[in-house]
Amino acid sequence: MPTPNMQHDLLYGNIKLFAGSASPELSKEISDYLGKPLCGRDILKYPNENLFVRLHHSVRGQDCYVIQSTASPVHENLMELLILIQTLKLDSAGRITAVVPYLCYGRSDKKDKPRVPITARLVADMIQIAGADRYMTFDLHAGQIQGFFSIPGDVLRGFHILKNYLLKMAPDLQNPVVVTADLGFAKKGRTYAELLHTGLAFIEKMRTADINNPLSMTVIGDVKDRDVILVDDEVNTGGSMVHAVEILKQHHARNIYMVFVHPVLSENAAQRLAACPVTQFITTNTIPISPEKKASLGERLVVLSISDLLGEVILRANQGRSVGAMFNE
């Protein structure tokens, strides 16, 4: 009679890791953590910009994981993800999990104006239709995006990567306070404040017609002569964070540590941030940061890897073990 483990192997198959071209370093780190090689595949781009994928070996009945972030170039990376998933599906993979550290179109999660799309829902639909059975991602911009998927998934939190670094840093801070870049991040900001046993303050801002350049107004809370841990989920153009730093300095904040999960850093964001009086920029590698952007931010940039956490979640998913137990949930 088969043992439970034998039954499990028959159900899901062995772990097969596939790396898209968007996250090669992260994929290699996950591969090293699991002790499993990345599977061979060819990804070709034809002169007409069409993409073509070919697997080197069969994945019939295997438990496949496609690792691909969907940051810039967004549409090429998204299509590559979808084509990889469909290729695995057509080769009769036993189960396919889309591992998407950063999911694009997260801000398009509702109809907040007439005659506009809900593109986050469209992206979720496309991932499912391509053939994904599960998904994994980090820090969705809005929690309701989970409801756009009808397949199970693990939405992980960058907080679990950042917290150990912040705890080590905390004893050297002077009367620290956690500040959120806007009121919408207040609930997650409280989690950081509770971790560090410190107070919480907020940047109150009013958005203008230009959605990429919100107008920061004032600080709710006390930051005078205090070290500030300024937190947000992602930094895109850097507008919100630059304005936040300006307001904090106007209110006589001491050192500012900028903490965020997704380093989108579009356009000239890295240069804008580099000009700010910020002591450290602390982020993760959900999105790879180019050498040019790293050079702009210099030694003030700290990038923490999500690879071990993702590797462990992949292992637990394959073995049918709880992911929440990792975080005492």
Protein backbone atom coordinates (compact mmCIF):
# COMPACT_ATOMS: atom_id res chain seq x y z
CA MET A 1 0.00 0.00 0.00
CA PRO A 2 1.39 3.49 -0.85
CA THR A 3 2.51 5.69 2.01
CA PRO A 4 1.00 9.24 2.34
CA ASN A 5 4.20 10.66 0.85
CA MET A 6 3.98 8.31 -2.11
CA GLN A 7 0.38 9.33 -2.65
CA HIS A 8 1.44 12.97 -2.52
CA ASP A 9 4.15 12.41 -5.13
CA LEU A 10 1.61 10.81 -7.43
CA LEU A 11 -0.73 13.75 -6.97
CA TYR A 12 1.63 16.69 -7.50
CA GLY A 13 4.86 15.29 -8.93
CA ASN A 14 8.35 16.68 -8.41
CA ILE A 15 9.13 20.40 -8.22
CA LYS A 16 10.09 21.86 -11.58
CA LEU A 17 11.31 25.47 -11.56
CA PHE A 18 11.08 27.67 -14.63
CA ALA A 19 12.56 31.16 -14.75
CA GLY A 20 11.19 33.89 -16.93
CA SER A 21 13.65 36.47 -18.21
CA ALA A 22 12.45 39.18 -15.79
CA SER A 23 13.88 37.72 -12.56
CA PRO A 24 16.98 35.63 -13.35
CA GLU A 25 18.91 36.36 -10.15
CA LEU A 26 15.93 35.76 -7.88
CA SER A 27 15.11 32.52 -9.74
CA LYS A 28 18.68 31.29 -9.24
CA GLU A 29 18.53 32.09 -5.52
CA ILE A 30 15.27 30.14 -5.17
CA SER A 31 16.83 27.27 -7.08
CA ASP A 32 19.82 27.28 -4.72
CA TYR A 33 17.55 27.33 -1.65
CA LEU A 34 15.57 24.31 -2.86
CA GLY A 35 18.60 22.49 -4.23
CA LYS A 36 16.79 22.02 -7.52
CA PRO A 37 18.09 23.26 -10.88
CA LEU A 38 16.17 25.64 -13.10
CA CYS A 39 14.61 23.71 -15.95
CA GLY A 40 15.79 24.36 -19.47
CA ARG A 41 13.64 26.47 -21.77
CA ASP A 42 14.13 28.70 -24.76
CA ILE A 43 12.44 32.10 -24.91
CA LEU A 44 12.78 33.68 -28.32
CA LYS A 45 11.69 37.08 -29.57
CA TYR A 46 11.06 37.26 -33.28
CA PRO A 47 11.62 40.37 -35.42
CA ASN A 48 7.85 41.02 -35.30
CA GLU A 49 8.14 41.11 -31.46
CA ASN A 50 6.19 37.85 -31.06
CA LEU A 51 7.48 35.62 -28.26
CA PHE A 52 8.09 31.89 -28.56
CA VAL A 53 8.74 29.39 -25.76
CA ARG A 54 10.10 25.85 -26.02
CA LEU A 55 10.75 23.45 -23.12
CA HIS A 56 13.88 21.29 -23.17
CA HIS A 57 12.21 18.34 -21.43
CA SER A 58 8.74 16.96 -20.69
CA VAL A 59 6.93 18.12 -17.55
CA ARG A 60 4.05 15.64 -17.76
CA GLY A 61 2.54 15.14 -14.32
CA GLN A 62 5.07 17.43 -12.59
CA ASP A 63 4.57 20.29 -10.10
CA CYS A 64 5.73 23.35 -12.07
CA TYR A 65 6.53 26.85 -10.81
CA VAL A 66 6.99 29.79 -13.20
CA ILE A 67 8.99 32.61 -11.57
CA GLN A 68 8.39 35.92 -13.33
CA SER A 69 7.95 39.46 -12.06
CA THR A 70 5.80 41.74 -14.21
CA ALA A 71 7.56 45.07 -13.87
CA SER A 72 9.13 46.96 -16.79
CA PRO A 73 8.91 46.03 -19.61
CA VAL A 74 5.46 45.19 -18.25
CA HIS A 75 3.69 43.86 -21.31
CA GLU A 76 6.60 41.77 -22.56
CA ASN A 77 7.08 40.23 -19.11
CA LEU A 78 3.36 39.61 -18.69
CA MET A 79 3.06 37.91 -22.10
CA GLU A 80 6.15 35.83 -21.37
CA LEU A 81 4.55 34.66 -18.12
CA LEU A 82 1.31 33.73 -19.88
CA ILE A 83 3.06 31.88 -22.71
CA LEU A 84 5.27 29.95 -20.28
CA ILE A 85 2.19 28.88 -18.32
CA GLN A 86 0.34 27.80 -21.45
CA THR A 87 3.37 25.87 -22.71
CA LEU A 88 3.47 23.91 -19.46
CA LYS A 89 -0.27 23.32 -19.61
CA LEU A 90 -0.10 21.95 -23.14
CA ASP A 91 2.75 19.64 -22.06
CA SER A 92 0.42 18.11 -19.44
CA ALA A 93 2.04 19.52 -16.30
CA GLY A 94 0.44 18.10 -13.17
CA ARG A 95 0.08 21.51 -11.51
CA ILE A 96 1.22 25.00 -12.48
CA THR A 97 1.90 27.83 -10.04
CA ALA A 98 2.55 31.37 -11.24
CA VAL A 99 5.17 32.85 -8.91
CA VAL A 100 4.81 36.59 -9.54
CA PRO A 101 6.72 38.60 -6.91
CA TYR A 102 5.32 41.86 -8.32
CA LEU A 103 1.93 41.76 -10.06
CA CYS A 104 1.38 44.51 -12.61
CA TYR A 105 -1.77 46.68 -12.86
CA GLY A 106 -2.38 46.42 -9.12
CA ARG A 107 -3.55 50.03 -8.96
CA SER A 108 -6.33 49.43 -11.49
CA ASP A 109 -8.51 47.53 -9.01
CA LYS A 110 -11.85 49.36 -9.24
CA LYS A 111 -13.99 51.66 -11.38
CA ASP A 112 -13.33 54.93 -9.60
CA LYS A 113 -14.22 56.99 -12.68
CA PRO A 114 -16.72 56.55 -15.53
CA ARG A 115 -15.66 54.52 -18.56
CA VAL A 116 -12.47 52.99 -17.12
CA PRO A 117 -11.34 49.35 -16.90
CA ILE A 118 -10.53 47.13 -13.93
CA THR A 119 -7.28 45.88 -15.41
CA ALA A 120 -6.14 43.99 -12.31
CA ARG A 121 -9.13 41.69 -12.83
CA LEU A 122 -8.18 41.25 -16.49
CA VAL A 123 -4.63 40.23 -15.53
CA ALA A 124 -5.98 37.71 -13.00
CA ASP A 125 -8.29 36.26 -15.65
CA MET A 126 -5.46 35.93 -18.17
CA ILE A 127 -3.21 34.09 -15.70
CA GLN A 128 -6.00 31.62 -14.99
CA ILE A 129 -7.00 31.15 -18.63
CA ALA A 130 -3.37 30.55 -19.59
CA GLY A 131 -3.50 27.50 -17.32
CA ALA A 132 -2.25 28.44 -13.84
CA ASP A 133 -3.67 26.32 -11.00
CA ARG A 134 -2.22 28.50 -8.24
CA TYR A 135 -0.42 31.82 -7.81
CA MET A 136 2.06 33.37 -5.38
CA THR A 137 2.79 37.06 -5.04
CA PHE A 138 3.86 39.79 -2.61
CA ASP A 139 1.97 42.77 -1.20
CA LEU A 140 -0.87 43.43 -3.60
CA HIS A 141 -1.69 47.13 -3.79
CA ALA A 142 -5.27 46.37 -2.69
CA GLY A 143 -6.48 43.33 -0.80
CA GLN A 144 -9.56 42.90 -2.97
CA ILE A 145 -7.36 41.82 -5.90
CA GLN A 146 -7.24 38.38 -4.24
CA GLY A 147 -10.93 38.14 -5.03
CA PHE A 148 -10.24 38.59 -8.74
CA PHE A 149 -8.68 35.10 -8.78
CA SER A 150 -10.83 31.98 -8.64
CA ILE A 151 -7.73 29.81 -8.12
CA PRO A 152 -6.00 29.47 -4.73
CA GLY A 153 -2.97 31.58 -4.00
CA ASP A 154 -0.49 32.78 -1.40
CA VAL A 155 -0.24 36.56 -0.99
CA LEU A 156 2.94 37.03 1.02
CA ARG A 157 4.04 40.14 2.89
CA GLY A 158 7.34 41.88 2.42
CA PHE A 159 7.07 42.81 6.10
CA HIS A 160 8.32 39.31 6.96
CA ILE A 161 11.50 40.01 4.97
CA LEU A 162 12.02 43.56 6.23
CA LYS A 163 11.28 43.05 9.93
CA ASN A 164 14.52 41.32 10.94
CA TYR A 165 16.62 44.08 9.41
CA LEU A 166 14.50 46.74 11.13
CA LEU A 167 14.76 44.98 14.49
CA LYS A 168 18.56 44.94 14.22
CA MET A 169 18.55 48.62 13.29
CA ALA A 170 16.09 49.75 15.98
CA PRO A 171 18.47 49.95 19.00
CA ASP A 172 20.58 52.57 17.18
CA LEU A 173 17.63 54.84 16.39
CA GLN A 174 16.80 57.92 18.42
CA ASN A 175 13.21 58.00 19.68
CA PRO A 176 11.98 56.35 16.43
CA VAL A 177 8.55 56.73 14.89
CA VAL A 178 6.95 54.88 11.98
CA VAL A 179 5.38 57.15 9.36
CA THR A 180 3.17 56.01 6.48
CA ALA A 181 3.36 57.86 3.19
CA ASP A 182 -0.44 58.16 3.15
CA LEU A 183 -3.47 57.28 5.25
CA GLY A 184 -4.26 54.28 3.03
CA PHE A 185 -1.18 52.46 4.35
CA ALA A 186 -2.04 53.18 8.00
CA LYS A 187 -3.12 49.63 8.90
CA LYS A 188 0.09 48.08 7.56
CA GLY A 189 2.07 50.91 9.12
CA ARG A 190 0.70 49.95 12.52
CA THR A 191 2.18 46.48 12.05
CA TYR A 192 5.64 48.05 11.69
CA ALA A 193 5.04 50.29 14.73
CA GLU A 194 3.97 47.34 16.88
CA LEU A 195 7.03 45.38 15.81
CA LEU A 196 9.36 48.20 16.83
CA HIS A 197 7.32 49.24 19.89
CA THR A 198 7.13 52.80 18.71
CA GLY A 199 4.60 55.46 17.76
CA LEU A 200 2.85 55.91 14.43
CA ALA A 201 2.36 59.06 12.36
CA PHE A 202 0.85 59.72 8.94
CA ILE A 203 1.38 61.94 5.95
CA GLU A 204 -1.93 63.58 5.05
CA LYS A 205 -2.07 64.35 1.35
CA MET A 206 -4.50 65.45 -1.31
CA ARG A 207 -4.16 64.14 -4.83
CA THR A 208 -4.16 66.53 -7.77
CA ALA A 209 -5.31 65.72 -11.30
CA ASP A 210 -1.84 64.26 -11.91
CA ILE A 211 -2.06 60.86 -10.18
CA ASN A 212 1.72 60.42 -10.22
CA ASN A 213 2.35 63.62 -8.26
CA PRO A 214 0.19 63.79 -5.13
CA LEU A 215 0.35 67.00 -3.10
CA SER A 216 1.54 66.20 0.41
CA MET A 217 -0.04 68.48 2.99
CA THR A 218 1.05 67.83 6.57
CA VAL A 219 2.05 65.28 9.19
CA ILE A 220 -0.44 63.81 11.63
CA GLY A 221 1.67 62.91 14.66
CA ASP A 222 4.93 63.91 16.31
CA VAL A 223 8.18 63.56 14.34
CA LYS A 224 10.23 66.44 15.76
CA ASP A 225 13.82 65.40 16.61
CA ARG A 226 12.90 61.74 16.02
CA ASP A 227 14.31 59.15 13.62
CA VAL A 228 11.64 58.29 11.07
CA ILE A 229 10.92 54.95 9.41
CA LEU A 230 8.89 55.96 6.35
CA VAL A 231 6.98 52.95 4.99
CA ASP A 232 4.96 52.17 1.87
CA ASP A 233 4.21 49.15 -0.33
CA GLU A 234 5.92 50.37 -3.50
CA VAL A 235 7.80 53.31 -4.96
CA ASN A 236 6.91 54.09 -8.56
CA THR A 237 7.89 57.60 -9.70
CA GLY A 238 8.95 58.51 -6.17
CA GLY A 239 6.62 61.52 -6.02
CA SER A 240 4.82 60.52 -2.82
CA MET A 241 8.03 59.67 -1.02
CA VAL A 242 9.87 62.81 -2.11
CA HIS A 243 6.99 64.98 -0.90
CA ALA A 244 6.81 62.97 2.33
CA VAL A 245 10.50 63.54 3.04
CA GLU A 246 10.11 67.27 2.40
CA ILE A 247 7.19 67.51 4.83
CA LEU A 248 8.97 65.44 7.47
CA LYS A 249 12.04 67.67 7.29
CA GLN A 250 9.82 70.75 7.54
CA HIS A 251 8.53 69.24 10.78
CA HIS A 252 12.11 68.76 12.00
CA ALA A 253 12.41 65.00 11.65
CA ARG A 254 15.90 63.69 12.37
CA ASN A 255 17.18 60.79 10.20
CA ILE A 256 14.77 59.25 7.68
CA TYR A 257 14.84 55.58 6.69
CA MET A 258 12.69 54.83 3.63
CA VAL A 259 11.22 51.31 3.65
CA PHE A 260 9.22 49.79 0.79
CA VAL A 261 8.57 46.34 -0.68
CA HIS A 262 8.42 46.88 -4.46
CA PRO A 263 11.19 49.02 -6.04
CA VAL A 264 9.35 49.91 -9.26
CA LEU A 265 11.50 53.04 -9.65
CA SER A 266 10.11 54.12 -13.01
CA GLU A 267 11.35 57.09 -15.05
CA ASN A 268 13.90 59.09 -13.02
CA ALA A 269 12.66 57.92 -9.61
CA ALA A 270 16.08 56.68 -8.47
CA GLN A 271 17.65 60.06 -9.20
CA ARG A 272 14.80 61.88 -7.42
CA LEU A 273 15.19 59.70 -4.35
CA ALA A 274 18.97 60.03 -4.39
CA ALA A 275 18.59 63.80 -4.04
CA CYS A 276 16.55 63.38 -0.84
CA PRO A 277 18.09 63.69 2.64
CA VAL A 278 17.42 60.01 3.41
CA THR A 279 19.81 57.93 5.50
CA GLN A 280 18.87 54.55 3.98
CA PHE A 281 16.59 53.11 1.31
CA ILE A 282 15.50 49.63 2.43
CA THR A 283 13.64 47.43 -0.04
CA THR A 284 13.42 43.89 -1.49
CA ASN A 285 14.17 42.19 -4.79
CA THR A 286 10.58 41.52 -5.88
CA ILE A 287 11.70 43.63 -8.85
CA PRO A 288 15.33 43.62 -10.01
CA ILE A 289 17.01 47.01 -9.73
CA SER A 290 19.25 47.96 -12.65
CA PRO A 291 22.95 48.70 -12.03
CA GLU A 292 22.35 52.33 -13.07
CA LYS A 293 19.63 52.80 -10.44
CA LYS A 294 21.74 51.07 -7.81
CA ALA A 295 24.58 53.42 -8.64
CA SER A 296 22.30 56.44 -8.20
CA LEU A 297 21.28 55.35 -4.70
CA GLY A 298 24.76 54.14 -3.80
CA GLU A 299 25.63 52.71 -0.41
CA ARG A 300 22.39 54.01 1.08
CA LEU A 301 20.49 51.27 -0.79
CA VAL A 302 19.80 48.01 1.09
CA VAL A 303 18.12 45.22 -0.91
CA LEU A 304 16.83 42.24 1.07
CA SER A 305 16.13 39.01 -0.80
CA ILE A 306 12.76 37.28 -0.79
CA SER A 307 14.29 34.07 -2.19
CA ASP A 308 14.41 31.97 0.99
CA LEU A 309 10.84 32.84 1.89
CA LEU A 310 9.56 32.07 -1.61
CA GLY A 311 11.61 28.88 -1.72
CA GLU A 312 10.11 27.69 1.55
CA VAL A 313 6.58 28.53 0.40
CA ILE A 314 7.15 26.58 -2.84
CA LEU A 315 8.42 23.61 -0.82
CA ARG A 316 5.42 23.69 1.49
CA ALA A 317 3.01 24.03 -1.43
CA ASN A 318 4.57 20.98 -3.06
CA GLN A 319 4.38 18.97 0.16
CA GLY A 320 0.87 20.11 1.04
CA ARG A 321 1.96 21.80 4.28
CA SER A 322 0.64 25.00 5.82
CA VAL A 323 2.18 28.30 4.73
CA GLY A 324 0.44 30.26 7.48
CA ALA A 325 2.26 28.17 10.09
CA MET A 326 5.48 29.91 9.03
CA PHE A 327 4.07 33.15 10.43
CA ASN A 328 2.13 31.63 13.36
CA GLU A 329 -1.12 32.26 11.53
